[in-house]
Amino acid sequence: MSECLITFSSTHYALKAEKVLKEHRLQVVPMPMPREISSSCGLSLSFDCRLKESVVEALKKSKVEVEGIYFREEGGLKKTRFA
């Protein structure tokens, strides 16, 4: 499984996204914002990268603002396009 992280501009959006994604039966795990992305406190959601299209579609449909999507690779996290 390859891990992806989705980040938000506020904890409010992260919690809303978690609720929306669970309603769509998409498995996500809330976790603290990794320091390599931001030094400020925050919440991100971890999920299987194979679910990326479904995650993006569900969040767009529910008008949840996303800051970024990252995938874990050797050496750290790399930002992907949010499309």
PDB file of N, CA and C in Angstrom:
ATOM      1  N   MET A   1       0.840  -1.186   0.000  1.00  0.00           N
ATOM      2  CA  MET A   1       0.000   0.000   0.000  1.00  0.00           C
ATOM      3  C   MET A   1       0.882   1.244   0.000  1.00  0.00           C
ATOM      4  N   SER A   2       0.603   2.168  -0.868  1.00  0.00           N
ATOM      5  CA  SER A   2       1.304   3.448  -0.840  1.00  0.00           C
ATOM      6  C   SER A   2       0.429   4.438  -0.072  1.00  0.00           C
ATOM      7  N   GLU A   3       1.085   5.218   0.774  1.00  0.00           N
ATOM      8  CA  GLU A   3       0.358   6.132   1.643  1.00  0.00           C
ATOM      9  C   GLU A   3       0.298   7.529   1.045  1.00  0.00           C
ATOM     10  N   CYS A   4      -0.875   8.120   1.086  1.00  0.00           N
ATOM     11  CA  CYS A   4      -1.072   9.512   0.701  1.00  0.00           C
ATOM     12  C   CYS A   4      -1.574  10.277   1.920  1.00  0.00           C
ATOM     13  N   LEU A   5      -1.277  11.565   1.942  1.00  0.00           N
ATOM     14  CA  LEU A   5      -1.765  12.460   2.996  1.00  0.00           C
ATOM     15  C   LEU A   5      -2.473  13.618   2.332  1.00  0.00           C
ATOM     16  N   ILE A   6      -3.561  14.022   2.923  1.00  0.00           N
ATOM     17  CA  ILE A   6      -4.274  15.188   2.421  1.00  0.00           C
ATOM     18  C   ILE A   6      -4.255  16.228   3.541  1.00  0.00           C
ATOM     19  N   THR A   7      -3.930  17.467   3.177  1.00  0.00           N
ATOM     20  CA  THR A   7      -3.809  18.530   4.164  1.00  0.00           C
ATOM     21  C   THR A   7      -4.871  19.600   3.912  1.00  0.00           C
ATOM     22  N   PHE A   8      -5.143  20.354   4.968  1.00  0.00           N
ATOM     23  CA  PHE A   8      -6.208  21.355   4.938  1.00  0.00           C
ATOM     24  C   PHE A   8      -5.716  22.639   5.580  1.00  0.00           C
ATOM     25  N   SER A   9      -6.358  23.736   5.264  1.00  0.00           N
ATOM     26  CA  SER A   9      -5.969  25.031   5.822  1.00  0.00           C
ATOM     27  C   SER A   9      -6.428  25.193   7.267  1.00  0.00           C
ATOM     28  N   SER A  10      -7.363  24.360   7.696  1.00  0.00           N
ATOM     29  CA  SER A  10      -7.836  24.443   9.083  1.00  0.00           C
ATOM     30  C   SER A  10      -8.295  23.069   9.564  1.00  0.00           C
ATOM     31  N   THR A  11      -8.323  22.923  10.865  1.00  0.00           N
ATOM     32  CA  THR A  11      -8.804  21.681  11.467  1.00  0.00           C
ATOM     33  C   THR A  11     -10.274  21.458  11.133  1.00  0.00           C
ATOM     34  N   HIS A  12     -11.028  22.544  11.002  1.00  0.00           N
ATOM     35  CA  HIS A  12     -12.447  22.450  10.634  1.00  0.00           C
ATOM     36  C   HIS A  12     -12.612  21.666   9.328  1.00  0.00           C
ATOM     37  N   TYR A  13     -11.826  22.025   8.299  1.00  0.00           N
ATOM     38  CA  TYR A  13     -11.925  21.331   7.009  1.00  0.00           C
ATOM     39  C   TYR A  13     -11.471  19.877   7.123  1.00  0.00           C
ATOM     40  N   ALA A  14     -10.455  19.621   7.935  1.00  0.00           N
ATOM     41  CA  ALA A  14      -9.979  18.247   8.114  1.00  0.00           C
ATOM     42  C   ALA A  14     -11.068  17.371   8.733  1.00  0.00           C
ATOM     43  N   LEU A  15     -11.740  17.888   9.746  1.00  0.00           N
ATOM     44  CA  LEU A  15     -12.805  17.126  10.399  1.00  0.00           C
ATOM     45  C   LEU A  15     -14.002  16.925   9.465  1.00  0.00           C
ATOM     46  N   LYS A  16     -14.328  17.959   8.711  1.00  0.00           N
ATOM     47  CA  LYS A  16     -15.423  17.849   7.740  1.00  0.00           C
ATOM     48  C   LYS A  16     -15.065  16.810   6.667  1.00  0.00           C
ATOM     49  N   ALA A  17     -13.812  16.847   6.185  1.00  0.00           N
ATOM     50  CA  ALA A  17     -13.368  15.891   5.174  1.00  0.00           C
ATOM     51  C   ALA A  17     -13.433  14.463   5.704  1.00  0.00           C
ATOM     52  N   GLU A  18     -12.999  14.271   6.938  1.00  0.00           N
ATOM     53  CA  GLU A  18     -13.043  12.934   7.533  1.00  0.00           C
ATOM     54  C   GLU A  18     -14.479  12.413   7.547  1.00  0.00           C
ATOM     55  N   LYS A  19     -15.410  13.254   7.951  1.00  0.00           N
ATOM     56  CA  LYS A  19     -16.819  12.857   8.002  1.00  0.00           C
ATOM     57  C   LYS A  19     -17.337  12.504   6.598  1.00  0.00           C
ATOM     58  N   VAL A  20     -17.063  13.368   5.627  1.00  0.00           N
ATOM     59  CA  VAL A  20     -17.521  13.143   4.249  1.00  0.00           C
ATOM     60  C   VAL A  20     -16.947  11.840   3.697  1.00  0.00           C
ATOM     61  N   LEU A  21     -15.659  11.628   3.891  1.00  0.00           N
ATOM     62  CA  LEU A  21     -15.013  10.437   3.330  1.00  0.00           C
ATOM     63  C   LEU A  21     -15.513   9.160   3.998  1.00  0.00           C
ATOM     64  N   LYS A  22     -15.763   9.207   5.287  1.00  0.00           N
ATOM     65  CA  LYS A  22     -16.307   8.030   5.965  1.00  0.00           C
ATOM     66  C   LYS A  22     -17.732   7.751   5.506  1.00  0.00           C
ATOM     67  N   GLU A  23     -18.498   8.807   5.205  1.00  0.00           N
ATOM     68  CA  GLU A  23     -19.851   8.619   4.662  1.00  0.00           C
ATOM     69  C   GLU A  23     -19.796   7.931   3.298  1.00  0.00           C
ATOM     70  N   HIS A  24     -18.706   8.173   2.559  1.00  0.00           N
ATOM     71  CA  HIS A  24     -18.508   7.529   1.256  1.00  0.00           C
ATOM     72  C   HIS A  24     -17.789   6.183   1.397  1.00  0.00           C
ATOM     73  N   ARG A  25     -17.630   5.731   2.637  1.00  0.00           N
ATOM     74  CA  ARG A  25     -16.965   4.461   2.949  1.00  0.00           C
ATOM     75  C   ARG A  25     -15.535   4.396   2.431  1.00  0.00           C
ATOM     76  N   LEU A  26     -14.861   5.526   2.506  1.00  0.00           N
ATOM     77  CA  LEU A  26     -13.446   5.608   2.150  1.00  0.00           C
ATOM     78  C   LEU A  26     -12.652   5.662   3.452  1.00  0.00           C
ATOM     79  N   GLN A  27     -11.748   4.730   3.618  1.00  0.00           N
ATOM     80  CA  GLN A  27     -11.014   4.624   4.877  1.00  0.00           C
ATOM     81  C   GLN A  27      -9.905   5.673   4.944  1.00  0.00           C
ATOM     82  N   VAL A  28      -9.980   6.523   5.957  1.00  0.00           N
ATOM     83  CA  VAL A  28      -8.959   7.540   6.220  1.00  0.00           C
ATOM     84  C   VAL A  28      -8.586   7.487   7.698  1.00  0.00           C
ATOM     85  N   VAL A  29      -7.365   7.934   7.975  1.00  0.00           N
ATOM     86  CA  VAL A  29      -6.883   7.953   9.354  1.00  0.00           C
ATOM     87  C   VAL A  29      -6.409   9.366   9.673  1.00  0.00           C
ATOM     88  N   PRO A  30      -7.026  10.037  10.644  1.00  0.00           N
ATOM     89  CA  PRO A  30      -6.559  11.370  11.028  1.00  0.00           C
ATOM     90  C   PRO A  30      -5.189  11.268  11.695  1.00  0.00           C
ATOM     91  N   MET A  31      -4.330  12.234  11.403  1.00  0.00           N
ATOM     92  CA  MET A  31      -3.007  12.253  12.009  1.00  0.00           C
ATOM     93  C   MET A  31      -2.491  13.685  12.080  1.00  0.00           C
ATOM     94  N   PRO A  32      -1.559  13.945  12.982  1.00  0.00           N
ATOM     95  CA  PRO A  32      -0.993  15.295  13.061  1.00  0.00           C
ATOM     96  C   PRO A  32      -0.276  15.649  11.754  1.00  0.00           C
ATOM     97  N   MET A  33      -0.270  16.925  11.438  1.00  0.00           N
ATOM     98  CA  MET A  33       0.427  17.405  10.243  1.00  0.00           C
ATOM     99  C   MET A  33       1.921  17.081  10.374  1.00  0.00           C
ATOM    100  N   PRO A  34       2.504  16.371   9.410  1.00  0.00           N
ATOM    101  CA  PRO A  34       3.938  16.087   9.481  1.00  0.00           C
ATOM    102  C   PRO A  34       4.763  17.376   9.451  1.00  0.00           C
ATOM    103  N   ARG A  35       5.814  17.431  10.239  1.00  0.00           N
ATOM    104  CA  ARG A  35       6.681  18.618  10.319  1.00  0.00           C
ATOM    105  C   ARG A  35       7.317  18.958   8.970  1.00  0.00           C
ATOM    106  N   GLU A  36       7.534  17.949   8.130  1.00  0.00           N
ATOM    107  CA  GLU A  36       8.159  18.227   6.835  1.00  0.00           C
ATOM    108  C   GLU A  36       7.220  18.980   5.887  1.00  0.00           C
ATOM    109  N   ILE A  37       5.919  19.022   6.215  1.00  0.00           N
ATOM    110  CA  ILE A  37       4.954  19.786   5.417  1.00  0.00           C
ATOM    111  C   ILE A  37       4.756  21.165   6.018  1.00  0.00           C
ATOM    112  N   SER A  38       4.563  21.214   7.332  1.00  0.00           N
ATOM    113  CA  SER A  38       4.317  22.485   8.009  1.00  0.00           C
ATOM    114  C   SER A  38       4.772  22.382   9.458  1.00  0.00           C
ATOM    115  N   SER A  39       5.356  23.458   9.950  1.00  0.00           N
ATOM    116  CA  SER A  39       5.804  23.458  11.347  1.00  0.00           C
ATOM    117  C   SER A  39       4.666  23.829  12.306  1.00  0.00           C
ATOM    118  N   SER A  40       3.556  24.324  11.763  1.00  0.00           N
ATOM    119  CA  SER A  40       2.423  24.676  12.626  1.00  0.00           C
ATOM    120  C   SER A  40       1.606  23.429  12.938  1.00  0.00           C
ATOM    121  N   CYS A  41       0.837  23.514  13.992  1.00  0.00           N
ATOM    122  CA  CYS A  41      -0.042  22.407  14.354  1.00  0.00           C
ATOM    123  C   CYS A  41      -1.128  22.291  13.299  1.00  0.00           C
ATOM    124  N   GLY A  42      -1.622  21.112  13.130  1.00  0.00           N
ATOM    125  CA  GLY A  42      -2.692  20.914  12.182  1.00  0.00           C
ATOM    126  C   GLY A  42      -3.024  19.445  12.076  1.00  0.00           C
ATOM    127  N   LEU A  43      -4.030  19.154  11.309  1.00  0.00           N
ATOM    128  CA  LEU A  43      -4.509  17.799  11.154  1.00  0.00           C
ATOM    129  C   LEU A  43      -4.484  17.444   9.677  1.00  0.00           C
ATOM    130  N   SER A  44      -4.045  16.244   9.366  1.00  0.00           N
ATOM    131  CA  SER A  44      -4.086  15.740   8.003  1.00  0.00           C
ATOM    132  C   SER A  44      -4.787  14.388   8.037  1.00  0.00           C
ATOM    133  N   LEU A  45      -5.123  13.879   6.878  1.00  0.00           N
ATOM    134  CA  LEU A  45      -5.746  12.569   6.774  1.00  0.00           C
ATOM    135  C   LEU A  45      -4.859  11.676   5.917  1.00  0.00           C
ATOM    136  N   SER A  46      -4.616  10.484   6.399  1.00  0.00           N
ATOM    137  CA  SER A  46      -3.825   9.501   5.676  1.00  0.00           C
ATOM    138  C   SER A  46      -4.780   8.522   5.004  1.00  0.00           C
ATOM    139  N   PHE A  47      -4.427   8.095   3.775  1.00  0.00           N
ATOM    140  CA  PHE A  47      -5.265   7.124   3.072  1.00  0.00           C
ATOM    141  C   PHE A  47      -4.430   6.383   2.048  1.00  0.00           C
ATOM    142  N   ASP A  48      -4.948   5.285   1.559  1.00  0.00           N
ATOM    143  CA  ASP A  48      -4.297   4.483   0.525  1.00  0.00           C
ATOM    144  C   ASP A  48      -4.340   5.268  -0.780  1.00  0.00           C
ATOM    145  N   CYS A  49      -3.191   5.459  -1.421  1.00  0.00           N
ATOM    146  CA  CYS A  49      -3.123   6.257  -2.655  1.00  0.00           C
ATOM    147  C   CYS A  49      -4.009   5.707  -3.773  1.00  0.00           C
ATOM    148  N   ARG A  50      -4.329   4.438  -3.721  1.00  0.00           N
ATOM    149  CA  ARG A  50      -5.215   3.877  -4.749  1.00  0.00           C
ATOM    150  C   ARG A  50      -6.614   4.481  -4.680  1.00  0.00           C
ATOM    151  N   LEU A  51      -6.927   5.140  -3.572  1.00  0.00           N
ATOM    152  CA  LEU A  51      -8.242   5.773  -3.388  1.00  0.00           C
ATOM    153  C   LEU A  51      -8.250   7.247  -3.784  1.00  0.00           C
ATOM    154  N   LYS A  52      -7.141   7.762  -4.294  1.00  0.00           N
ATOM    155  CA  LYS A  52      -7.002   9.204  -4.531  1.00  0.00           C
ATOM    156  C   LYS A  52      -8.144   9.777  -5.373  1.00  0.00           C
ATOM    157  N   GLU A  53      -8.464   9.160  -6.481  1.00  0.00           N
ATOM    158  CA  GLU A  53      -9.523   9.702  -7.349  1.00  0.00           C
ATOM    159  C   GLU A  53     -10.859   9.770  -6.616  1.00  0.00           C
ATOM    160  N   SER A  54     -11.195   8.725  -5.880  1.00  0.00           N
ATOM    161  CA  SER A  54     -12.454   8.700  -5.134  1.00  0.00           C
ATOM    162  C   SER A  54     -12.461   9.746  -4.028  1.00  0.00           C
ATOM    163  N   VAL A  55     -11.321   9.908  -3.345  1.00  0.00           N
ATOM    164  CA  VAL A  55     -11.204  10.904  -2.276  1.00  0.00           C
ATOM    165  C   VAL A  55     -11.394  12.303  -2.848  1.00  0.00           C
ATOM    166  N   VAL A  56     -10.682  12.604  -3.924  1.00  0.00           N
ATOM    167  CA  VAL A  56     -10.770  13.929  -4.549  1.00  0.00           C
ATOM    168  C   VAL A  56     -12.193  14.211  -5.018  1.00  0.00           C
ATOM    169  N   GLU A  57     -12.816  13.242  -5.664  1.00  0.00           N
ATOM    170  CA  GLU A  57     -14.180  13.420  -6.173  1.00  0.00           C
ATOM    171  C   GLU A  57     -15.168  13.692  -5.036  1.00  0.00           C
ATOM    172  N   ALA A  58     -15.079  12.916  -3.964  1.00  0.00           N
ATOM    173  CA  ALA A  58     -15.996  13.090  -2.826  1.00  0.00           C
ATOM    174  C   ALA A  58     -15.815  14.462  -2.178  1.00  0.00           C
ATOM    175  N   LEU A  59     -14.568  14.913  -2.031  1.00  0.00           N
ATOM    176  CA  LEU A  59     -14.321  16.207  -1.391  1.00  0.00           C
ATOM    177  C   LEU A  59     -14.754  17.369  -2.281  1.00  0.00           C
ATOM    178  N   LYS A  60     -14.528  17.253  -3.583  1.00  0.00           N
ATOM    179  CA  LYS A  60     -14.981  18.309  -4.502  1.00  0.00           C
ATOM    180  C   LYS A  60     -16.501  18.404  -4.489  1.00  0.00           C
ATOM    181  N   LYS A  61     -17.159  17.252  -4.516  1.00  0.00           N
ATOM    182  CA  LYS A  61     -18.621  17.213  -4.527  1.00  0.00           C
ATOM    183  C   LYS A  61     -19.196  17.855  -3.259  1.00  0.00           C
ATOM    184  N   SER A  62     -18.494  17.676  -2.142  1.00  0.00           N
ATOM    185  CA  SER A  62     -18.954  18.216  -0.856  1.00  0.00           C
ATOM    186  C   SER A  62     -18.386  19.601  -0.560  1.00  0.00           C
ATOM    187  N   LYS A  63     -17.630  20.148  -1.511  1.00  0.00           N
ATOM    188  CA  LYS A  63     -17.051  21.495  -1.403  1.00  0.00           C
ATOM    189  C   LYS A  63     -16.173  21.667  -0.158  1.00  0.00           C
ATOM    190  N   VAL A  64     -15.330  20.653   0.095  1.00  0.00           N
ATOM    191  CA  VAL A  64     -14.371  20.720   1.185  1.00  0.00           C
ATOM    192  C   VAL A  64     -13.063  21.267   0.620  1.00  0.00           C
ATOM    193  N   GLU A  65     -12.566  22.350   1.209  1.00  0.00           N
ATOM    194  CA  GLU A  65     -11.332  22.971   0.733  1.00  0.00           C
ATOM    195  C   GLU A  65     -10.128  22.137   1.140  1.00  0.00           C
ATOM    196  N   VAL A  66      -9.303  21.815   0.146  1.00  0.00           N
ATOM    197  CA  VAL A  66      -8.089  21.023   0.357  1.00  0.00           C
ATOM    198  C   VAL A  66      -6.882  21.904   0.101  1.00  0.00           C
ATOM    199  N   GLU A  67      -5.880  21.780   0.962  1.00  0.00           N
ATOM    200  CA  GLU A  67      -4.643  22.540   0.778  1.00  0.00           C
ATOM    201  C   GLU A  67      -3.683  21.792  -0.139  1.00  0.00           C
ATOM    202  N   GLY A  68      -3.532  20.483   0.079  1.00  0.00           N
ATOM    203  CA  GLY A  68      -2.612  19.702  -0.744  1.00  0.00           C
ATOM    204  C   GLY A  68      -2.754  18.214  -0.511  1.00  0.00           C
ATOM    205  N   ILE A  69      -2.251  17.432  -1.476  1.00  0.00           N
ATOM    206  CA  ILE A  69      -2.194  15.984  -1.359  1.00  0.00           C
ATOM    207  C   ILE A  69      -0.747  15.581  -1.574  1.00  0.00           C
ATOM    208  N   TYR A  70      -0.246  14.731  -0.695  1.00  0.00           N
ATOM    209  CA  TYR A  70       1.143  14.295  -0.724  1.00  0.00           C
ATOM    210  C   TYR A  70       1.193  12.775  -0.754  1.00  0.00           C
ATOM    211  N   PHE A  71       2.244  12.232  -1.392  1.00  0.00           N
ATOM    212  CA  PHE A  71       2.449  10.795  -1.278  1.00  0.00           C
ATOM    213  C   PHE A  71       3.820  10.554  -0.682  1.00  0.00           C
ATOM    214  N   ARG A  72       3.897   9.494   0.109  1.00  0.00           N
ATOM    215  CA  ARG A  72       5.141   9.164   0.793  1.00  0.00           C
ATOM    216  C   ARG A  72       6.020   8.360  -0.163  1.00  0.00           C
ATOM    217  N   GLU A  73       7.229   8.829  -0.320  1.00  0.00           N
ATOM    218  CA  GLU A  73       8.203   8.111  -1.137  1.00  0.00           C
ATOM    219  C   GLU A  73       9.503   8.044  -0.348  1.00  0.00           C
ATOM    220  N   GLU A  74      10.430   7.289  -0.853  1.00  0.00           N
ATOM    221  CA  GLU A  74      11.714   7.192  -0.178  1.00  0.00           C
ATOM    222  C   GLU A  74      12.317   8.591  -0.054  1.00  0.00           C
ATOM    223  N   GLY A  75      12.643   8.969   1.141  1.00  0.00           N
ATOM    224  CA  GLY A  75      13.213  10.294   1.358  1.00  0.00           C
ATOM    225  C   GLY A  75      12.199  11.332   1.815  1.00  0.00           C
ATOM    226  N   GLY A  76      10.929  10.975   1.923  1.00  0.00           N
ATOM    227  CA  GLY A  76       9.971  11.951   2.433  1.00  0.00           C
ATOM    228  C   GLY A  76       8.661  12.004   1.676  1.00  0.00           C
ATOM    229  N   LEU A  77       7.985  13.127   1.844  1.00  0.00           N
ATOM    230  CA  LEU A  77       6.679  13.348   1.219  1.00  0.00           C
ATOM    231  C   LEU A  77       6.842  14.233  -0.007  1.00  0.00           C
ATOM    232  N   LYS A  78       6.096  13.927  -1.052  1.00  0.00           N
ATOM    233  CA  LYS A  78       6.131  14.724  -2.274  1.00  0.00           C
ATOM    234  C   LYS A  78       4.712  15.165  -2.609  1.00  0.00           C
ATOM    235  N   LYS A  79       4.551  16.447  -2.902  1.00  0.00           N
ATOM    236  CA  LYS A  79       3.224  16.984  -3.214  1.00  0.00           C
ATOM    237  C   LYS A  79       2.780  16.516  -4.603  1.00  0.00           C
ATOM    238  N   THR A  80       1.494  16.168  -4.709  1.00  0.00           N
ATOM    239  CA  THR A  80       0.926  15.769  -5.992  1.00  0.00           C
ATOM    240  C   THR A  80      -0.083  16.821  -6.427  1.00  0.00           C
ATOM    241  N   ARG A  81      -0.550  16.691  -7.638  1.00  0.00           N
ATOM    242  CA  ARG A  81      -1.580  17.621  -8.131  1.00  0.00           C
ATOM    243  C   ARG A  81      -2.917  17.249  -7.539  1.00  0.00           C
ATOM    244  N   PHE A  82      -3.670  18.273  -7.157  1.00  0.00           N
ATOM    245  CA  PHE A  82      -5.037  18.065  -6.687  1.00  0.00           C
ATOM    246  C   PHE A  82      -5.949  18.384  -7.851  1.00  0.00           C
ATOM    247  N   ALA A  83      -6.336  17.342  -8.576  1.00  0.00           N
ATOM    248  CA  ALA A  83      -7.140  17.556  -9.777  1.00  0.00           C
ATOM    249  C   ALA A  83      -8.403  16.746  -9.751  1.00  0.00           C
TER     250      ALA A  83
END
